[in-house]
Amino acid sequence: ELGLAETTVEAISARADVTSRTFF
């Protein structure tokens, strides 16, 4: 949707309903 460069870990975590710590 946004492009890889504009995609952030924070946005991914929010959409997946997890914390950034869980992401990593």
PDBML (XML) file of the C-alpha atoms, coordinates in Angstrom:
<?xml version="1.0" encoding="UTF-8" ?>
<PDBx:datablock datablockName="MODEL"
   xmlns:PDBx="http://pdbml.pdb.org/schema/pdbx-v50.xsd"
   xmlns:xsi="http://www.w3.org/2001/XMLSchema-instance"
   xsi:schemaLocation="http://pdbml.pdb.org/schema/pdbx-v50.xsd pdbx-v50.xsd">
   <PDBx:atom_siteCategory>
      <PDBx:atom_site id="1">
         <PDBx:B_iso_or_equiv>0.00</PDBx:B_iso_or_equiv>
         <PDBx:Cartn_x>0.000</PDBx:Cartn_x>
         <PDBx:Cartn_y>0.000</PDBx:Cartn_y>
         <PDBx:Cartn_z>0.000</PDBx:Cartn_z>
         <PDBx:auth_asym_id>A</PDBx:auth_asym_id>
         <PDBx:auth_atom_id>CA</PDBx:auth_atom_id>
         <PDBx:auth_comp_id>GLU</PDBx:auth_comp_id>
         <PDBx:auth_seq_id>1</PDBx:auth_seq_id>
         <PDBx:group_PDB>ATOM</PDBx:group_PDB>
         <PDBx:label_alt_id xsi:nil="true" />
         <PDBx:label_asym_id>A</PDBx:label_asym_id>
         <PDBx:label_atom_id>CA</PDBx:label_atom_id>
         <PDBx:label_comp_id>GLU</PDBx:label_comp_id>
         <PDBx:label_entity_id>1</PDBx:label_entity_id>
         <PDBx:label_seq_id>1</PDBx:label_seq_id>
         <PDBx:occupancy>1.00</PDBx:occupancy>
         <PDBx:pdbx_PDB_model_num>1</PDBx:pdbx_PDB_model_num>
         <PDBx:type_symbol>C</PDBx:type_symbol>
      </PDBx:atom_site>
      <PDBx:atom_site id="2">
         <PDBx:B_iso_or_equiv>0.00</PDBx:B_iso_or_equiv>
         <PDBx:Cartn_x>2.651</PDBx:Cartn_x>
         <PDBx:Cartn_y>2.529</PDBx:Cartn_y>
         <PDBx:Cartn_z>1.051</PDBx:Cartn_z>
         <PDBx:auth_asym_id>A</PDBx:auth_asym_id>
         <PDBx:auth_atom_id>CA</PDBx:auth_atom_id>
         <PDBx:auth_comp_id>LEU</PDBx:auth_comp_id>
         <PDBx:auth_seq_id>2</PDBx:auth_seq_id>
         <PDBx:group_PDB>ATOM</PDBx:group_PDB>
         <PDBx:label_alt_id xsi:nil="true" />
         <PDBx:label_asym_id>A</PDBx:label_asym_id>
         <PDBx:label_atom_id>CA</PDBx:label_atom_id>
         <PDBx:label_comp_id>LEU</PDBx:label_comp_id>
         <PDBx:label_entity_id>1</PDBx:label_entity_id>
         <PDBx:label_seq_id>2</PDBx:label_seq_id>
         <PDBx:occupancy>1.00</PDBx:occupancy>
         <PDBx:pdbx_PDB_model_num>1</PDBx:pdbx_PDB_model_num>
         <PDBx:type_symbol>C</PDBx:type_symbol>
      </PDBx:atom_site>
      <PDBx:atom_site id="3">
         <PDBx:B_iso_or_equiv>0.00</PDBx:B_iso_or_equiv>
         <PDBx:Cartn_x>5.871</PDBx:Cartn_x>
         <PDBx:Cartn_y>1.280</PDBx:Cartn_y>
         <PDBx:Cartn_z>-0.470</PDBx:Cartn_z>
         <PDBx:auth_asym_id>A</PDBx:auth_asym_id>
         <PDBx:auth_atom_id>CA</PDBx:auth_atom_id>
         <PDBx:auth_comp_id>GLY</PDBx:auth_comp_id>
         <PDBx:auth_seq_id>3</PDBx:auth_seq_id>
         <PDBx:group_PDB>ATOM</PDBx:group_PDB>
         <PDBx:label_alt_id xsi:nil="true" />
         <PDBx:label_asym_id>A</PDBx:label_asym_id>
         <PDBx:label_atom_id>CA</PDBx:label_atom_id>
         <PDBx:label_comp_id>GLY</PDBx:label_comp_id>
         <PDBx:label_entity_id>1</PDBx:label_entity_id>
         <PDBx:label_seq_id>3</PDBx:label_seq_id>
         <PDBx:occupancy>1.00</PDBx:occupancy>
         <PDBx:pdbx_PDB_model_num>1</PDBx:pdbx_PDB_model_num>
         <PDBx:type_symbol>C</PDBx:type_symbol>
      </PDBx:atom_site>
      <PDBx:atom_site id="4">
         <PDBx:B_iso_or_equiv>0.00</PDBx:B_iso_or_equiv>
         <PDBx:Cartn_x>8.668</PDBx:Cartn_x>
         <PDBx:Cartn_y>-0.459</PDBx:Cartn_y>
         <PDBx:Cartn_z>1.397</PDBx:Cartn_z>
         <PDBx:auth_asym_id>A</PDBx:auth_asym_id>
         <PDBx:auth_atom_id>CA</PDBx:auth_atom_id>
         <PDBx:auth_comp_id>LEU</PDBx:auth_comp_id>
         <PDBx:auth_seq_id>4</PDBx:auth_seq_id>
         <PDBx:group_PDB>ATOM</PDBx:group_PDB>
         <PDBx:label_alt_id xsi:nil="true" />
         <PDBx:label_asym_id>A</PDBx:label_asym_id>
         <PDBx:label_atom_id>CA</PDBx:label_atom_id>
         <PDBx:label_comp_id>LEU</PDBx:label_comp_id>
         <PDBx:label_entity_id>1</PDBx:label_entity_id>
         <PDBx:label_seq_id>4</PDBx:label_seq_id>
         <PDBx:occupancy>1.00</PDBx:occupancy>
         <PDBx:pdbx_PDB_model_num>1</PDBx:pdbx_PDB_model_num>
         <PDBx:type_symbol>C</PDBx:type_symbol>
      </PDBx:atom_site>
      <PDBx:atom_site id="5">
         <PDBx:B_iso_or_equiv>0.00</PDBx:B_iso_or_equiv>
         <PDBx:Cartn_x>10.527</PDBx:Cartn_x>
         <PDBx:Cartn_y>2.768</PDBx:Cartn_y>
         <PDBx:Cartn_z>2.244</PDBx:Cartn_z>
         <PDBx:auth_asym_id>A</PDBx:auth_asym_id>
         <PDBx:auth_atom_id>CA</PDBx:auth_atom_id>
         <PDBx:auth_comp_id>ALA</PDBx:auth_comp_id>
         <PDBx:auth_seq_id>5</PDBx:auth_seq_id>
         <PDBx:group_PDB>ATOM</PDBx:group_PDB>
         <PDBx:label_alt_id xsi:nil="true" />
         <PDBx:label_asym_id>A</PDBx:label_asym_id>
         <PDBx:label_atom_id>CA</PDBx:label_atom_id>
         <PDBx:label_comp_id>ALA</PDBx:label_comp_id>
         <PDBx:label_entity_id>1</PDBx:label_entity_id>
         <PDBx:label_seq_id>5</PDBx:label_seq_id>
         <PDBx:occupancy>1.00</PDBx:occupancy>
         <PDBx:pdbx_PDB_model_num>1</PDBx:pdbx_PDB_model_num>
         <PDBx:type_symbol>C</PDBx:type_symbol>
      </PDBx:atom_site>
      <PDBx:atom_site id="6">
         <PDBx:B_iso_or_equiv>0.00</PDBx:B_iso_or_equiv>
         <PDBx:Cartn_x>7.453</PDBx:Cartn_x>
         <PDBx:Cartn_y>4.310</PDBx:Cartn_y>
         <PDBx:Cartn_z>3.875</PDBx:Cartn_z>
         <PDBx:auth_asym_id>A</PDBx:auth_asym_id>
         <PDBx:auth_atom_id>CA</PDBx:auth_atom_id>
         <PDBx:auth_comp_id>GLU</PDBx:auth_comp_id>
         <PDBx:auth_seq_id>6</PDBx:auth_seq_id>
         <PDBx:group_PDB>ATOM</PDBx:group_PDB>
         <PDBx:label_alt_id xsi:nil="true" />
         <PDBx:label_asym_id>A</PDBx:label_asym_id>
         <PDBx:label_atom_id>CA</PDBx:label_atom_id>
         <PDBx:label_comp_id>GLU</PDBx:label_comp_id>
         <PDBx:label_entity_id>1</PDBx:label_entity_id>
         <PDBx:label_seq_id>6</PDBx:label_seq_id>
         <PDBx:occupancy>1.00</PDBx:occupancy>
         <PDBx:pdbx_PDB_model_num>1</PDBx:pdbx_PDB_model_num>
         <PDBx:type_symbol>C</PDBx:type_symbol>
      </PDBx:atom_site>
      <PDBx:atom_site id="7">
         <PDBx:B_iso_or_equiv>0.00</PDBx:B_iso_or_equiv>
         <PDBx:Cartn_x>6.564</PDBx:Cartn_x>
         <PDBx:Cartn_y>1.189</PDBx:Cartn_y>
         <PDBx:Cartn_z>5.864</PDBx:Cartn_z>
         <PDBx:auth_asym_id>A</PDBx:auth_asym_id>
         <PDBx:auth_atom_id>CA</PDBx:auth_atom_id>
         <PDBx:auth_comp_id>THR</PDBx:auth_comp_id>
         <PDBx:auth_seq_id>7</PDBx:auth_seq_id>
         <PDBx:group_PDB>ATOM</PDBx:group_PDB>
         <PDBx:label_alt_id xsi:nil="true" />
         <PDBx:label_asym_id>A</PDBx:label_asym_id>
         <PDBx:label_atom_id>CA</PDBx:label_atom_id>
         <PDBx:label_comp_id>THR</PDBx:label_comp_id>
         <PDBx:label_entity_id>1</PDBx:label_entity_id>
         <PDBx:label_seq_id>7</PDBx:label_seq_id>
         <PDBx:occupancy>1.00</PDBx:occupancy>
         <PDBx:pdbx_PDB_model_num>1</PDBx:pdbx_PDB_model_num>
         <PDBx:type_symbol>C</PDBx:type_symbol>
      </PDBx:atom_site>
      <PDBx:atom_site id="8">
         <PDBx:B_iso_or_equiv>0.00</PDBx:B_iso_or_equiv>
         <PDBx:Cartn_x>7.762</PDBx:Cartn_x>
         <PDBx:Cartn_y>1.247</PDBx:Cartn_y>
         <PDBx:Cartn_z>9.478</PDBx:Cartn_z>
         <PDBx:auth_asym_id>A</PDBx:auth_asym_id>
         <PDBx:auth_atom_id>CA</PDBx:auth_atom_id>
         <PDBx:auth_comp_id>THR</PDBx:auth_comp_id>
         <PDBx:auth_seq_id>8</PDBx:auth_seq_id>
         <PDBx:group_PDB>ATOM</PDBx:group_PDB>
         <PDBx:label_alt_id xsi:nil="true" />
         <PDBx:label_asym_id>A</PDBx:label_asym_id>
         <PDBx:label_atom_id>CA</PDBx:label_atom_id>
         <PDBx:label_comp_id>THR</PDBx:label_comp_id>
         <PDBx:label_entity_id>1</PDBx:label_entity_id>
         <PDBx:label_seq_id>8</PDBx:label_seq_id>
         <PDBx:occupancy>1.00</PDBx:occupancy>
         <PDBx:pdbx_PDB_model_num>1</PDBx:pdbx_PDB_model_num>
         <PDBx:type_symbol>C</PDBx:type_symbol>
      </PDBx:atom_site>
      <PDBx:atom_site id="9">
         <PDBx:B_iso_or_equiv>0.00</PDBx:B_iso_or_equiv>
         <PDBx:Cartn_x>8.073</PDBx:Cartn_x>
         <PDBx:Cartn_y>-1.368</PDBx:Cartn_y>
         <PDBx:Cartn_z>12.185</PDBx:Cartn_z>
         <PDBx:auth_asym_id>A</PDBx:auth_asym_id>
         <PDBx:auth_atom_id>CA</PDBx:auth_atom_id>
         <PDBx:auth_comp_id>VAL</PDBx:auth_comp_id>
         <PDBx:auth_seq_id>9</PDBx:auth_seq_id>
         <PDBx:group_PDB>ATOM</PDBx:group_PDB>
         <PDBx:label_alt_id xsi:nil="true" />
         <PDBx:label_asym_id>A</PDBx:label_asym_id>
         <PDBx:label_atom_id>CA</PDBx:label_atom_id>
         <PDBx:label_comp_id>VAL</PDBx:label_comp_id>
         <PDBx:label_entity_id>1</PDBx:label_entity_id>
         <PDBx:label_seq_id>9</PDBx:label_seq_id>
         <PDBx:occupancy>1.00</PDBx:occupancy>
         <PDBx:pdbx_PDB_model_num>1</PDBx:pdbx_PDB_model_num>
         <PDBx:type_symbol>C</PDBx:type_symbol>
      </PDBx:atom_site>
      <PDBx:atom_site id="10">
         <PDBx:B_iso_or_equiv>0.00</PDBx:B_iso_or_equiv>
         <PDBx:Cartn_x>5.695</PDBx:Cartn_x>
         <PDBx:Cartn_y>0.713</PDBx:Cartn_y>
         <PDBx:Cartn_z>14.304</PDBx:Cartn_z>
         <PDBx:auth_asym_id>A</PDBx:auth_asym_id>
         <PDBx:auth_atom_id>CA</PDBx:auth_atom_id>
         <PDBx:auth_comp_id>GLU</PDBx:auth_comp_id>
         <PDBx:auth_seq_id>10</PDBx:auth_seq_id>
         <PDBx:group_PDB>ATOM</PDBx:group_PDB>
         <PDBx:label_alt_id xsi:nil="true" />
         <PDBx:label_asym_id>A</PDBx:label_asym_id>
         <PDBx:label_atom_id>CA</PDBx:label_atom_id>
         <PDBx:label_comp_id>GLU</PDBx:label_comp_id>
         <PDBx:label_entity_id>1</PDBx:label_entity_id>
         <PDBx:label_seq_id>10</PDBx:label_seq_id>
         <PDBx:occupancy>1.00</PDBx:occupancy>
         <PDBx:pdbx_PDB_model_num>1</PDBx:pdbx_PDB_model_num>
         <PDBx:type_symbol>C</PDBx:type_symbol>
      </PDBx:atom_site>
      <PDBx:atom_site id="11">
         <PDBx:B_iso_or_equiv>0.00</PDBx:B_iso_or_equiv>
         <PDBx:Cartn_x>3.027</PDBx:Cartn_x>
         <PDBx:Cartn_y>0.679</PDBx:Cartn_y>
         <PDBx:Cartn_z>11.583</PDBx:Cartn_z>
         <PDBx:auth_asym_id>A</PDBx:auth_asym_id>
         <PDBx:auth_atom_id>CA</PDBx:auth_atom_id>
         <PDBx:auth_comp_id>ALA</PDBx:auth_comp_id>
         <PDBx:auth_seq_id>11</PDBx:auth_seq_id>
         <PDBx:group_PDB>ATOM</PDBx:group_PDB>
         <PDBx:label_alt_id xsi:nil="true" />
         <PDBx:label_asym_id>A</PDBx:label_asym_id>
         <PDBx:label_atom_id>CA</PDBx:label_atom_id>
         <PDBx:label_comp_id>ALA</PDBx:label_comp_id>
         <PDBx:label_entity_id>1</PDBx:label_entity_id>
         <PDBx:label_seq_id>11</PDBx:label_seq_id>
         <PDBx:occupancy>1.00</PDBx:occupancy>
         <PDBx:pdbx_PDB_model_num>1</PDBx:pdbx_PDB_model_num>
         <PDBx:type_symbol>C</PDBx:type_symbol>
      </PDBx:atom_site>
      <PDBx:atom_site id="12">
         <PDBx:B_iso_or_equiv>0.00</PDBx:B_iso_or_equiv>
         <PDBx:Cartn_x>3.442</PDBx:Cartn_x>
         <PDBx:Cartn_y>-3.057</PDBx:Cartn_y>
         <PDBx:Cartn_z>11.022</PDBx:Cartn_z>
         <PDBx:auth_asym_id>A</PDBx:auth_asym_id>
         <PDBx:auth_atom_id>CA</PDBx:auth_atom_id>
         <PDBx:auth_comp_id>ILE</PDBx:auth_comp_id>
         <PDBx:auth_seq_id>12</PDBx:auth_seq_id>
         <PDBx:group_PDB>ATOM</PDBx:group_PDB>
         <PDBx:label_alt_id xsi:nil="true" />
         <PDBx:label_asym_id>A</PDBx:label_asym_id>
         <PDBx:label_atom_id>CA</PDBx:label_atom_id>
         <PDBx:label_comp_id>ILE</PDBx:label_comp_id>
         <PDBx:label_entity_id>1</PDBx:label_entity_id>
         <PDBx:label_seq_id>12</PDBx:label_seq_id>
         <PDBx:occupancy>1.00</PDBx:occupancy>
         <PDBx:pdbx_PDB_model_num>1</PDBx:pdbx_PDB_model_num>
         <PDBx:type_symbol>C</PDBx:type_symbol>
      </PDBx:atom_site>
      <PDBx:atom_site id="13">
         <PDBx:B_iso_or_equiv>0.00</PDBx:B_iso_or_equiv>
         <PDBx:Cartn_x>3.166</PDBx:Cartn_x>
         <PDBx:Cartn_y>-3.726</PDBx:Cartn_y>
         <PDBx:Cartn_z>14.751</PDBx:Cartn_z>
         <PDBx:auth_asym_id>A</PDBx:auth_asym_id>
         <PDBx:auth_atom_id>CA</PDBx:auth_atom_id>
         <PDBx:auth_comp_id>SER</PDBx:auth_comp_id>
         <PDBx:auth_seq_id>13</PDBx:auth_seq_id>
         <PDBx:group_PDB>ATOM</PDBx:group_PDB>
         <PDBx:label_alt_id xsi:nil="true" />
         <PDBx:label_asym_id>A</PDBx:label_asym_id>
         <PDBx:label_atom_id>CA</PDBx:label_atom_id>
         <PDBx:label_comp_id>SER</PDBx:label_comp_id>
         <PDBx:label_entity_id>1</PDBx:label_entity_id>
         <PDBx:label_seq_id>13</PDBx:label_seq_id>
         <PDBx:occupancy>1.00</PDBx:occupancy>
         <PDBx:pdbx_PDB_model_num>1</PDBx:pdbx_PDB_model_num>
         <PDBx:type_symbol>C</PDBx:type_symbol>
      </PDBx:atom_site>
      <PDBx:atom_site id="14">
         <PDBx:B_iso_or_equiv>0.00</PDBx:B_iso_or_equiv>
         <PDBx:Cartn_x>0.043</PDBx:Cartn_x>
         <PDBx:Cartn_y>-1.591</PDBx:Cartn_y>
         <PDBx:Cartn_z>15.051</PDBx:Cartn_z>
         <PDBx:auth_asym_id>A</PDBx:auth_asym_id>
         <PDBx:auth_atom_id>CA</PDBx:auth_atom_id>
         <PDBx:auth_comp_id>ALA</PDBx:auth_comp_id>
         <PDBx:auth_seq_id>14</PDBx:auth_seq_id>
         <PDBx:group_PDB>ATOM</PDBx:group_PDB>
         <PDBx:label_alt_id xsi:nil="true" />
         <PDBx:label_asym_id>A</PDBx:label_asym_id>
         <PDBx:label_atom_id>CA</PDBx:label_atom_id>
         <PDBx:label_comp_id>ALA</PDBx:label_comp_id>
         <PDBx:label_entity_id>1</PDBx:label_entity_id>
         <PDBx:label_seq_id>14</PDBx:label_seq_id>
         <PDBx:occupancy>1.00</PDBx:occupancy>
         <PDBx:pdbx_PDB_model_num>1</PDBx:pdbx_PDB_model_num>
         <PDBx:type_symbol>C</PDBx:type_symbol>
      </PDBx:atom_site>
      <PDBx:atom_site id="15">
         <PDBx:B_iso_or_equiv>0.00</PDBx:B_iso_or_equiv>
         <PDBx:Cartn_x>-1.707</PDBx:Cartn_x>
         <PDBx:Cartn_y>-3.346</PDBx:Cartn_y>
         <PDBx:Cartn_z>12.177</PDBx:Cartn_z>
         <PDBx:auth_asym_id>A</PDBx:auth_asym_id>
         <PDBx:auth_atom_id>CA</PDBx:auth_atom_id>
         <PDBx:auth_comp_id>ARG</PDBx:auth_comp_id>
         <PDBx:auth_seq_id>15</PDBx:auth_seq_id>
         <PDBx:group_PDB>ATOM</PDBx:group_PDB>
         <PDBx:label_alt_id xsi:nil="true" />
         <PDBx:label_asym_id>A</PDBx:label_asym_id>
         <PDBx:label_atom_id>CA</PDBx:label_atom_id>
         <PDBx:label_comp_id>ARG</PDBx:label_comp_id>
         <PDBx:label_entity_id>1</PDBx:label_entity_id>
         <PDBx:label_seq_id>15</PDBx:label_seq_id>
         <PDBx:occupancy>1.00</PDBx:occupancy>
         <PDBx:pdbx_PDB_model_num>1</PDBx:pdbx_PDB_model_num>
         <PDBx:type_symbol>C</PDBx:type_symbol>
      </PDBx:atom_site>
      <PDBx:atom_site id="16">
         <PDBx:B_iso_or_equiv>0.00</PDBx:B_iso_or_equiv>
         <PDBx:Cartn_x>-0.712</PDBx:Cartn_x>
         <PDBx:Cartn_y>-6.779</PDBx:Cartn_y>
         <PDBx:Cartn_z>13.490</PDBx:Cartn_z>
         <PDBx:auth_asym_id>A</PDBx:auth_asym_id>
         <PDBx:auth_atom_id>CA</PDBx:auth_atom_id>
         <PDBx:auth_comp_id>ALA</PDBx:auth_comp_id>
         <PDBx:auth_seq_id>16</PDBx:auth_seq_id>
         <PDBx:group_PDB>ATOM</PDBx:group_PDB>
         <PDBx:label_alt_id xsi:nil="true" />
         <PDBx:label_asym_id>A</PDBx:label_asym_id>
         <PDBx:label_atom_id>CA</PDBx:label_atom_id>
         <PDBx:label_comp_id>ALA</PDBx:label_comp_id>
         <PDBx:label_entity_id>1</PDBx:label_entity_id>
         <PDBx:label_seq_id>16</PDBx:label_seq_id>
         <PDBx:occupancy>1.00</PDBx:occupancy>
         <PDBx:pdbx_PDB_model_num>1</PDBx:pdbx_PDB_model_num>
         <PDBx:type_symbol>C</PDBx:type_symbol>
      </PDBx:atom_site>
      <PDBx:atom_site id="17">
         <PDBx:B_iso_or_equiv>0.00</PDBx:B_iso_or_equiv>
         <PDBx:Cartn_x>-1.880</PDBx:Cartn_x>
         <PDBx:Cartn_y>-5.729</PDBx:Cartn_y>
         <PDBx:Cartn_z>16.997</PDBx:Cartn_z>
         <PDBx:auth_asym_id>A</PDBx:auth_asym_id>
         <PDBx:auth_atom_id>CA</PDBx:auth_atom_id>
         <PDBx:auth_comp_id>ASP</PDBx:auth_comp_id>
         <PDBx:auth_seq_id>17</PDBx:auth_seq_id>
         <PDBx:group_PDB>ATOM</PDBx:group_PDB>
         <PDBx:label_alt_id xsi:nil="true" />
         <PDBx:label_asym_id>A</PDBx:label_asym_id>
         <PDBx:label_atom_id>CA</PDBx:label_atom_id>
         <PDBx:label_comp_id>ASP</PDBx:label_comp_id>
         <PDBx:label_entity_id>1</PDBx:label_entity_id>
         <PDBx:label_seq_id>17</PDBx:label_seq_id>
         <PDBx:occupancy>1.00</PDBx:occupancy>
         <PDBx:pdbx_PDB_model_num>1</PDBx:pdbx_PDB_model_num>
         <PDBx:type_symbol>C</PDBx:type_symbol>
      </PDBx:atom_site>
      <PDBx:atom_site id="18">
         <PDBx:B_iso_or_equiv>0.00</PDBx:B_iso_or_equiv>
         <PDBx:Cartn_x>1.468</PDBx:Cartn_x>
         <PDBx:Cartn_y>-6.500</PDBx:Cartn_y>
         <PDBx:Cartn_z>18.631</PDBx:Cartn_z>
         <PDBx:auth_asym_id>A</PDBx:auth_asym_id>
         <PDBx:auth_atom_id>CA</PDBx:auth_atom_id>
         <PDBx:auth_comp_id>VAL</PDBx:auth_comp_id>
         <PDBx:auth_seq_id>18</PDBx:auth_seq_id>
         <PDBx:group_PDB>ATOM</PDBx:group_PDB>
         <PDBx:label_alt_id xsi:nil="true" />
         <PDBx:label_asym_id>A</PDBx:label_asym_id>
         <PDBx:label_atom_id>CA</PDBx:label_atom_id>
         <PDBx:label_comp_id>VAL</PDBx:label_comp_id>
         <PDBx:label_entity_id>1</PDBx:label_entity_id>
         <PDBx:label_seq_id>18</PDBx:label_seq_id>
         <PDBx:occupancy>1.00</PDBx:occupancy>
         <PDBx:pdbx_PDB_model_num>1</PDBx:pdbx_PDB_model_num>
         <PDBx:type_symbol>C</PDBx:type_symbol>
      </PDBx:atom_site>
      <PDBx:atom_site id="19">
         <PDBx:B_iso_or_equiv>0.00</PDBx:B_iso_or_equiv>
         <PDBx:Cartn_x>4.094</PDBx:Cartn_x>
         <PDBx:Cartn_y>-4.383</PDBx:Cartn_y>
         <PDBx:Cartn_z>20.355</PDBx:Cartn_z>
         <PDBx:auth_asym_id>A</PDBx:auth_asym_id>
         <PDBx:auth_atom_id>CA</PDBx:auth_atom_id>
         <PDBx:auth_comp_id>THR</PDBx:auth_comp_id>
         <PDBx:auth_seq_id>19</PDBx:auth_seq_id>
         <PDBx:group_PDB>ATOM</PDBx:group_PDB>
         <PDBx:label_alt_id xsi:nil="true" />
         <PDBx:label_asym_id>A</PDBx:label_asym_id>
         <PDBx:label_atom_id>CA</PDBx:label_atom_id>
         <PDBx:label_comp_id>THR</PDBx:label_comp_id>
         <PDBx:label_entity_id>1</PDBx:label_entity_id>
         <PDBx:label_seq_id>19</PDBx:label_seq_id>
         <PDBx:occupancy>1.00</PDBx:occupancy>
         <PDBx:pdbx_PDB_model_num>1</PDBx:pdbx_PDB_model_num>
         <PDBx:type_symbol>C</PDBx:type_symbol>
      </PDBx:atom_site>
      <PDBx:atom_site id="20">
         <PDBx:B_iso_or_equiv>0.00</PDBx:B_iso_or_equiv>
         <PDBx:Cartn_x>7.321</PDBx:Cartn_x>
         <PDBx:Cartn_y>-3.370</PDBx:Cartn_y>
         <PDBx:Cartn_z>18.647</PDBx:Cartn_z>
         <PDBx:auth_asym_id>A</PDBx:auth_asym_id>
         <PDBx:auth_atom_id>CA</PDBx:auth_atom_id>
         <PDBx:auth_comp_id>SER</PDBx:auth_comp_id>
         <PDBx:auth_seq_id>20</PDBx:auth_seq_id>
         <PDBx:group_PDB>ATOM</PDBx:group_PDB>
         <PDBx:label_alt_id xsi:nil="true" />
         <PDBx:label_asym_id>A</PDBx:label_asym_id>
         <PDBx:label_atom_id>CA</PDBx:label_atom_id>
         <PDBx:label_comp_id>SER</PDBx:label_comp_id>
         <PDBx:label_entity_id>1</PDBx:label_entity_id>
         <PDBx:label_seq_id>20</PDBx:label_seq_id>
         <PDBx:occupancy>1.00</PDBx:occupancy>
         <PDBx:pdbx_PDB_model_num>1</PDBx:pdbx_PDB_model_num>
         <PDBx:type_symbol>C</PDBx:type_symbol>
      </PDBx:atom_site>
      <PDBx:atom_site id="21">
         <PDBx:B_iso_or_equiv>0.00</PDBx:B_iso_or_equiv>
         <PDBx:Cartn_x>9.129</PDBx:Cartn_x>
         <PDBx:Cartn_y>-5.555</PDBx:Cartn_y>
         <PDBx:Cartn_z>21.171</PDBx:Cartn_z>
         <PDBx:auth_asym_id>A</PDBx:auth_asym_id>
         <PDBx:auth_atom_id>CA</PDBx:auth_atom_id>
         <PDBx:auth_comp_id>ARG</PDBx:auth_comp_id>
         <PDBx:auth_seq_id>21</PDBx:auth_seq_id>
         <PDBx:group_PDB>ATOM</PDBx:group_PDB>
         <PDBx:label_alt_id xsi:nil="true" />
         <PDBx:label_asym_id>A</PDBx:label_asym_id>
         <PDBx:label_atom_id>CA</PDBx:label_atom_id>
         <PDBx:label_comp_id>ARG</PDBx:label_comp_id>
         <PDBx:label_entity_id>1</PDBx:label_entity_id>
         <PDBx:label_seq_id>21</PDBx:label_seq_id>
         <PDBx:occupancy>1.00</PDBx:occupancy>
         <PDBx:pdbx_PDB_model_num>1</PDBx:pdbx_PDB_model_num>
         <PDBx:type_symbol>C</PDBx:type_symbol>
      </PDBx:atom_site>
      <PDBx:atom_site id="22">
         <PDBx:B_iso_or_equiv>0.00</PDBx:B_iso_or_equiv>
         <PDBx:Cartn_x>7.081</PDBx:Cartn_x>
         <PDBx:Cartn_y>-8.554</PDBx:Cartn_y>
         <PDBx:Cartn_z>20.033</PDBx:Cartn_z>
         <PDBx:auth_asym_id>A</PDBx:auth_asym_id>
         <PDBx:auth_atom_id>CA</PDBx:auth_atom_id>
         <PDBx:auth_comp_id>THR</PDBx:auth_comp_id>
         <PDBx:auth_seq_id>22</PDBx:auth_seq_id>
         <PDBx:group_PDB>ATOM</PDBx:group_PDB>
         <PDBx:label_alt_id xsi:nil="true" />
         <PDBx:label_asym_id>A</PDBx:label_asym_id>
         <PDBx:label_atom_id>CA</PDBx:label_atom_id>
         <PDBx:label_comp_id>THR</PDBx:label_comp_id>
         <PDBx:label_entity_id>1</PDBx:label_entity_id>
         <PDBx:label_seq_id>22</PDBx:label_seq_id>
         <PDBx:occupancy>1.00</PDBx:occupancy>
         <PDBx:pdbx_PDB_model_num>1</PDBx:pdbx_PDB_model_num>
         <PDBx:type_symbol>C</PDBx:type_symbol>
      </PDBx:atom_site>
      <PDBx:atom_site id="23">
         <PDBx:B_iso_or_equiv>0.00</PDBx:B_iso_or_equiv>
         <PDBx:Cartn_x>7.857</PDBx:Cartn_x>
         <PDBx:Cartn_y>-7.664</PDBx:Cartn_y>
         <PDBx:Cartn_z>16.423</PDBx:Cartn_z>
         <PDBx:auth_asym_id>A</PDBx:auth_asym_id>
         <PDBx:auth_atom_id>CA</PDBx:auth_atom_id>
         <PDBx:auth_comp_id>PHE</PDBx:auth_comp_id>
         <PDBx:auth_seq_id>23</PDBx:auth_seq_id>
         <PDBx:group_PDB>ATOM</PDBx:group_PDB>
         <PDBx:label_alt_id xsi:nil="true" />
         <PDBx:label_asym_id>A</PDBx:label_asym_id>
         <PDBx:label_atom_id>CA</PDBx:label_atom_id>
         <PDBx:label_comp_id>PHE</PDBx:label_comp_id>
         <PDBx:label_entity_id>1</PDBx:label_entity_id>
         <PDBx:label_seq_id>23</PDBx:label_seq_id>
         <PDBx:occupancy>1.00</PDBx:occupancy>
         <PDBx:pdbx_PDB_model_num>1</PDBx:pdbx_PDB_model_num>
         <PDBx:type_symbol>C</PDBx:type_symbol>
      </PDBx:atom_site>
      <PDBx:atom_site id="24">
         <PDBx:B_iso_or_equiv>0.00</PDBx:B_iso_or_equiv>
         <PDBx:Cartn_x>11.586</PDBx:Cartn_x>
         <PDBx:Cartn_y>-7.826</PDBx:Cartn_y>
         <PDBx:Cartn_z>17.103</PDBx:Cartn_z>
         <PDBx:auth_asym_id>A</PDBx:auth_asym_id>
         <PDBx:auth_atom_id>CA</PDBx:auth_atom_id>
         <PDBx:auth_comp_id>PHE</PDBx:auth_comp_id>
         <PDBx:auth_seq_id>24</PDBx:auth_seq_id>
         <PDBx:group_PDB>ATOM</PDBx:group_PDB>
         <PDBx:label_alt_id xsi:nil="true" />
         <PDBx:label_asym_id>A</PDBx:label_asym_id>
         <PDBx:label_atom_id>CA</PDBx:label_atom_id>
         <PDBx:label_comp_id>PHE</PDBx:label_comp_id>
         <PDBx:label_entity_id>1</PDBx:label_entity_id>
         <PDBx:label_seq_id>24</PDBx:label_seq_id>
         <PDBx:occupancy>1.00</PDBx:occupancy>
         <PDBx:pdbx_PDB_model_num>1</PDBx:pdbx_PDB_model_num>
         <PDBx:type_symbol>C</PDBx:type_symbol>
      </PDBx:atom_site>
   </PDBx:atom_siteCategory>
</PDBx:datablock>
